[in-house]
Protein backbone atom coordinates (compact mmCIF):
# COMPACT_ATOMS: atom_id res chain seq x y z
CA UNK A 1 41.87 -182.24 -133.19
CA UNK A 2 44.90 -184.02 -131.73
CA UNK A 3 45.78 -184.58 -128.09
CA UNK A 4 48.79 -184.99 -125.83
CA UNK A 5 48.15 -187.16 -122.76
CA UNK A 6 50.01 -185.96 -119.66
CA UNK A 7 52.14 -188.35 -117.60
CA UNK A 8 49.61 -188.37 -114.73
CA UNK A 9 47.00 -190.14 -116.88
CA UNK A 10 46.77 -193.79 -117.91
CA UNK A 11 48.08 -194.53 -121.39
CA UNK A 12 44.84 -196.46 -121.97
CA UNK A 13 43.23 -193.05 -122.45
CA UNK A 14 44.85 -193.12 -125.92
CA UNK A 15 42.78 -196.21 -126.73
CA UNK A 16 39.56 -194.46 -125.70
CA UNK A 17 40.43 -191.48 -127.88
CA UNK A 18 41.25 -193.74 -130.84
CA UNK A 19 37.87 -195.48 -130.39
CA UNK A 20 36.35 -192.01 -130.81
CA UNK A 21 38.46 -191.40 -133.95
CA UNK A 22 40.76 -188.95 -132.18
CA UNK A 23 44.55 -188.90 -132.46
CA UNK A 24 46.72 -188.78 -129.37
CA UNK A 25 50.22 -189.29 -128.07
CA UNK A 26 51.60 -189.46 -124.55
CA UNK A 27 54.13 -187.27 -122.78
CA UNK A 28 55.85 -190.49 -121.68
CA UNK A 29 56.19 -191.92 -125.20
CA UNK A 30 57.79 -188.68 -126.37
CA UNK A 31 60.37 -188.71 -123.59
CA UNK A 32 58.92 -185.61 -121.93
CA UNK A 33 58.10 -187.17 -118.55
CA UNK A 34 59.38 -185.18 -115.60
CA UNK A 35 59.76 -181.95 -117.54
CA UNK A 36 58.37 -178.67 -116.16
CA UNK A 37 54.78 -177.77 -117.02
CA UNK A 38 55.97 -174.80 -119.09
CA UNK A 39 57.95 -177.14 -121.33
CA UNK A 40 54.94 -179.44 -121.83
CA UNK A 41 52.76 -176.45 -122.78
CA UNK A 42 55.44 -175.14 -125.15
CA UNK A 43 55.60 -178.54 -126.85
CA UNK A 44 51.78 -178.65 -127.16
CA UNK A 45 51.85 -175.19 -128.75
CA UNK A 46 54.62 -176.20 -131.15
CA UNK A 47 52.74 -179.33 -132.20
CA UNK A 48 49.24 -177.82 -132.04
CA UNK A 49 48.06 -180.46 -129.55
CA UNK A 50 45.41 -180.15 -126.85
CA UNK A 51 46.79 -181.26 -123.48
CA UNK A 52 44.74 -183.69 -121.38
CA UNK A 53 45.88 -183.77 -117.75
CA UNK A 54 44.84 -184.20 -114.12
CA UNK A 55 47.30 -181.50 -113.01
CA UNK A 56 45.01 -178.73 -111.75
CA UNK A 57 47.85 -176.24 -112.12
CA UNK A 58 47.02 -176.16 -115.83
CA UNK A 59 43.57 -174.78 -114.94
CA UNK A 60 45.25 -171.66 -113.49
CA UNK A 61 44.11 -168.92 -115.85
CA UNK A 62 46.84 -166.55 -114.63
CA UNK A 63 49.55 -168.99 -115.69
CA UNK A 64 47.82 -170.53 -118.74
CA UNK A 65 45.06 -168.20 -119.94
CA UNK A 66 42.56 -169.67 -122.37
CA UNK A 67 43.30 -168.46 -125.86
CA UNK A 68 47.08 -168.66 -125.43
CA UNK A 69 47.40 -172.41 -126.09
CA UNK A 70 45.80 -174.97 -128.44
CA UNK A 71 43.53 -176.14 -125.60
CA UNK A 72 43.61 -177.99 -122.30
CA UNK A 73 41.31 -180.57 -120.80
CA UNK A 74 41.82 -180.80 -117.04
CA UNK A 75 40.22 -183.85 -115.43
CA UNK A 76 39.15 -183.28 -111.81
CA UNK A 77 37.97 -186.45 -110.13
CA UNK A 78 38.10 -187.67 -106.53
CA UNK A 79 38.89 -191.25 -107.50
CA UNK A 80 41.92 -191.08 -109.78
CA UNK A 81 42.00 -194.76 -110.65
CA UNK A 82 42.34 -195.73 -114.30
CA UNK A 83 38.79 -197.08 -114.33
CA UNK A 84 37.36 -193.85 -112.91
CA UNK A 85 39.32 -191.56 -115.25
CA UNK A 86 38.33 -193.59 -118.32
CA UNK A 87 34.70 -193.63 -117.17
CA UNK A 88 34.62 -189.83 -116.74
CA UNK A 89 36.19 -189.27 -120.15
CA UNK A 90 33.73 -191.72 -121.77
CA UNK A 91 30.84 -189.70 -120.31
CA UNK A 92 32.40 -186.44 -121.50
CA UNK A 93 32.99 -187.73 -125.03
CA UNK A 94 29.52 -189.30 -125.03
CA UNK A 95 27.88 -185.90 -124.57
CA UNK A 96 28.18 -185.41 -128.32
CA UNK A 97 30.26 -182.28 -127.83
CA UNK A 98 32.11 -180.85 -130.79
CA UNK A 99 35.66 -180.79 -129.48
CA UNK A 100 36.63 -178.28 -132.17
CA UNK A 101 34.48 -175.74 -130.27
CA UNK A 102 36.99 -176.04 -127.42
CA UNK A 103 40.09 -175.09 -129.44
CA UNK A 104 42.13 -172.67 -127.35
CA UNK A 105 39.88 -173.20 -124.33
CA UNK A 106 40.50 -174.71 -120.92
CA UNK A 107 37.89 -177.39 -120.23
CA UNK A 108 37.47 -178.67 -116.69
CA UNK A 109 35.94 -182.17 -116.78
CA UNK A 110 34.40 -183.43 -113.54
CA UNK A 111 32.41 -186.54 -112.68
CA UNK A 112 29.03 -185.16 -113.73
CA UNK A 113 29.72 -181.92 -115.59
CA UNK A 114 32.24 -179.90 -117.50
CA UNK A 115 33.06 -176.20 -117.60
CA UNK A 116 34.66 -174.24 -120.43
CA UNK A 117 36.91 -171.23 -120.01
CA UNK A 118 37.20 -169.34 -123.26
CA UNK A 119 39.94 -166.87 -124.11
CA UNK A 120 39.69 -163.49 -125.71
CA UNK A 121 41.92 -164.45 -128.63
CA UNK A 122 42.71 -167.52 -130.67
CA UNK A 123 46.11 -169.22 -130.77
């Protein structure tokens, strides 16, 4: 599974993913910063990448229903500092979850839990 890191997240998240043997690239490095959400999602679909973001708009199931994209991980934390975001993602990845089970899903990652919204069809 490969990931695209949204512009509202620290690029150091790529390092954490690499440490967990996961491939990632950033919206910024691809020159996509500032583009509309729809364009970011279209690019993720084209490349087959799971989007990781803190933009809660991507959790809107009316706009981005699970099963219509490769997957989204939406991080919802009160403290949005780099240290806090990395810590939350370390805990999530440390839960020994099989990320492949979340293909096409919207996963909401919070400080102490995560929720999975599954779609009716696969991408």
